[in-house]
């Protein structure tokens, strides 16, 4: 007996094959958040501090030292 789409757990109510979509997503490249992080790290855009590994306090100390000299 064949299971219907609603009870098998493999399909959405609309009939979309969930596993096929997951596989397609795995092969499609970067996720939205991965792309945002990549762009932030490589372009130095505004508001990207959550992706930064810069030690802000160290930069402040170095700036102060250069101003003192």
Protein backbone atom coordinates (compact mmCIF):
# COMPACT_ATOMS: atom_id res chain seq x y z
CA UNK A 1 0.00 0.00 0.00
CA UNK A 2 1.32 3.43 -0.95
CA UNK A 3 1.46 6.16 1.71
CA UNK A 4 -0.19 9.43 0.83
CA UNK A 5 1.76 12.71 0.82
CA UNK A 6 0.35 14.01 4.10
CA UNK A 7 1.36 11.01 6.22
CA UNK A 8 4.71 10.02 4.73
CA UNK A 9 6.64 13.03 6.11
CA UNK A 10 8.66 13.17 2.90
CA UNK A 11 6.44 15.74 1.18
CA UNK A 12 4.97 19.09 2.14
CA UNK A 13 1.23 19.62 2.06
CA UNK A 14 1.73 21.18 -1.39
CA UNK A 15 3.48 18.01 -2.61
CA UNK A 16 7.08 19.27 -2.57
CA UNK A 17 9.68 16.54 -2.00
CA UNK A 18 11.51 17.72 1.15
CA UNK A 19 14.60 15.55 0.63
CA UNK A 20 14.99 16.75 -2.97
CA UNK A 21 14.90 20.38 -1.81
CA UNK A 22 17.45 19.69 0.95
CA UNK A 23 19.79 18.03 -1.56
CA UNK A 24 19.36 20.90 -4.00
CA UNK A 25 20.21 23.37 -1.22
CA UNK A 26 23.34 21.42 -0.26
CA UNK A 27 24.58 21.64 -3.86
CA UNK A 28 23.67 25.27 -4.46
CA UNK A 29 26.63 26.98 -2.77
CA UNK A 30 26.67 29.45 0.09
CA UNK A 31 23.66 29.99 2.29
CA UNK A 32 22.29 33.50 2.66
CA UNK A 33 24.07 33.99 6.00
CA UNK A 34 27.31 32.49 4.68
CA UNK A 35 27.17 34.89 1.73
CA UNK A 36 26.56 37.86 4.05
CA UNK A 37 29.52 36.86 6.21
CA UNK A 38 31.79 36.42 3.18
CA UNK A 39 30.84 39.83 1.80
CA UNK A 40 31.33 41.47 5.19
CA UNK A 41 34.77 39.91 5.66
CA UNK A 42 35.99 40.73 2.17
CA UNK A 43 34.59 44.22 1.59
CA UNK A 44 34.76 45.86 5.01
CA UNK A 45 31.19 47.10 4.66
CA UNK A 46 29.34 49.27 7.15
CA UNK A 47 27.59 47.48 10.02
CA UNK A 48 29.58 44.27 9.61
CA UNK A 49 31.20 44.28 13.06
CA UNK A 50 29.44 41.05 14.09
CA UNK A 51 31.58 39.23 11.51
CA UNK A 52 34.82 40.94 12.47
CA UNK A 53 37.62 39.25 14.39
CA UNK A 54 39.32 42.61 15.07
CA UNK A 55 40.19 43.37 18.69
CA UNK A 56 38.65 46.83 19.04
CA UNK A 57 40.50 47.62 22.25
CA UNK A 58 43.85 46.78 20.63
CA UNK A 59 43.08 49.10 17.72
CA UNK A 60 42.16 51.88 20.17
CA UNK A 61 45.47 51.40 22.04
CA UNK A 62 47.48 51.50 18.81
CA UNK A 63 45.63 54.61 17.66
CA UNK A 64 46.29 56.32 20.99
CA UNK A 65 49.99 55.43 20.78
CA UNK A 66 50.26 56.87 17.28
CA UNK A 67 48.51 60.07 18.40
CA UNK A 68 50.87 60.39 21.37
CA UNK A 69 53.94 60.17 19.11
